[in-house]
C-alpha atoms as a PDB file:
ATOM      1  CA  UNK A   1      16.261 -29.699  19.432  1.00  0.00           C
ATOM      2  CA  UNK A   2      13.628 -30.064  16.296  1.00  0.00           C
ATOM      3  CA  UNK A   3      10.972 -28.995  18.556  1.00  0.00           C
ATOM      4  CA  UNK A   4      13.096 -25.292  19.518  1.00  0.00           C
ATOM      5  CA  UNK A   5      14.045 -24.804  15.769  1.00  0.00           C
ATOM      6  CA  UNK A   6      10.603 -25.135  14.323  1.00  0.00           C
ATOM      7  CA  UNK A   7       9.078 -23.130  16.673  1.00  0.00           C
ATOM      8  CA  UNK A   8      11.911 -20.278  15.857  1.00  0.00           C
ATOM      9  CA  UNK A   9      11.082 -20.814  12.293  1.00  0.00           C
ATOM     10  CA  UNK A  10       7.481 -20.110  13.001  1.00  0.00           C
ATOM     11  CA  UNK A  11       8.676 -17.148  15.145  1.00  0.00           C
ATOM     12  CA  UNK A  12      10.449 -15.553  12.410  1.00  0.00           C
ATOM     13  CA  UNK A  13       7.758 -15.876   9.782  1.00  0.00           C
ATOM     14  CA  UNK A  14       5.596 -14.154  12.188  1.00  0.00           C
ATOM     15  CA  UNK A  15       7.843 -11.448  12.893  1.00  0.00           C
ATOM     16  CA  UNK A  16       8.623 -11.107   8.941  1.00  0.00           C
ATOM     17  CA  UNK A  17       4.561 -10.931   8.025  1.00  0.00           C
ATOM     18  CA  UNK A  18       3.637  -8.472  11.143  1.00  0.00           C
ATOM     19  CA  UNK A  19       6.633  -6.181   9.980  1.00  0.00           C
ATOM     20  CA  UNK A  20       4.946  -6.114   6.010  1.00  0.00           C
ATOM     21  CA  UNK A  21       1.664  -5.750   7.407  1.00  0.00           C
ATOM     22  CA  UNK A  22       2.909  -2.820   9.334  1.00  0.00           C
ATOM     23  CA  UNK A  23       4.703  -1.448   5.973  1.00  0.00           C
ATOM     24  CA  UNK A  24       1.582  -1.572   3.748  1.00  0.00           C
ATOM     25  CA  UNK A  25      -0.719   0.072   6.555  1.00  0.00           C
ATOM     26  CA  UNK A  26       1.540   2.925   6.884  1.00  0.00           C
ATOM     27  CA  UNK A  27       1.566   2.899   2.638  1.00  0.00           C
ATOM     28  CA  UNK A  28      -2.086   2.927   2.284  1.00  0.00           C
ATOM     29  CA  UNK A  29      -2.063   5.632   5.188  1.00  0.00           C
ATOM     30  CA  UNK A  30       0.305   7.948   2.854  1.00  0.00           C
ATOM     31  CA  UNK A  31      -1.788   7.175  -0.415  1.00  0.00           C
ATOM     32  CA  UNK A  32      -4.939   8.131   1.134  1.00  0.00           C
ATOM     33  CA  UNK A  33      -3.910  11.254   2.779  1.00  0.00           C
ATOM     34  CA  UNK A  34      -2.063  12.417  -1.014  1.00  0.00           C
ATOM     35  CA  UNK A  35      -5.712  11.876  -2.668  1.00  0.00           C
ATOM     36  CA  UNK A  36      -8.342  13.848  -2.707  1.00  0.00           C
ATOM     37  CA  UNK A  37     -11.916  12.474  -3.448  1.00  0.00           C
ATOM     38  CA  UNK A  38     -13.590  15.919  -4.644  1.00  0.00           C
ATOM     39  CA  UNK A  39     -10.925  16.725  -7.370  1.00  0.00           C
ATOM     40  CA  UNK A  40     -11.758  14.743 -10.375  1.00  0.00           C
ATOM     41  CA  UNK A  41      -9.366  12.633 -12.000  1.00  0.00           C
ATOM     42  CA  UNK A  42      -9.289  13.901 -15.137  1.00  0.00           C
ATOM     43  CA  UNK A  43      -9.029  17.341 -15.780  1.00  0.00           C
ATOM     44  CA  UNK A  44     -11.935  19.033 -17.413  1.00  0.00           C
ATOM     45  CA  UNK A  45      -9.851  20.507 -20.471  1.00  0.00           C
ATOM     46  CA  UNK A  46      -9.095  16.591 -20.659  1.00  0.00           C
ATOM     47  CA  UNK A  47     -12.983  15.630 -21.358  1.00  0.00           C
ATOM     48  CA  UNK A  48     -13.847  18.623 -23.433  1.00  0.00           C
ATOM     49  CA  UNK A  49     -11.021  19.083 -25.833  1.00  0.00           C
ATOM     50  CA  UNK A  50     -10.326  14.812 -25.500  1.00  0.00           C
ATOM     51  CA  UNK A  51      -6.592  16.022 -26.269  1.00  0.00           C
ATOM     52  CA  UNK A  52      -3.535  14.039 -25.191  1.00  0.00           C
ATOM     53  CA  UNK A  53      -1.703  16.630 -23.380  1.00  0.00           C
ATOM     54  CA  UNK A  54      -2.765  15.083 -19.945  1.00  0.00           C
END
């Protein structure tokens, strides 16, 4: 009986970790699709004039 419980707990933990990893990969893909590596992080206006409007 205890062996059945141990297998159930391990299987449950595996399922939780697997689903969290899947969510993490989807989130990373979503974030990377929104980022444009060609565009600077700071606008040219902020760098030249050092304003606080950015």
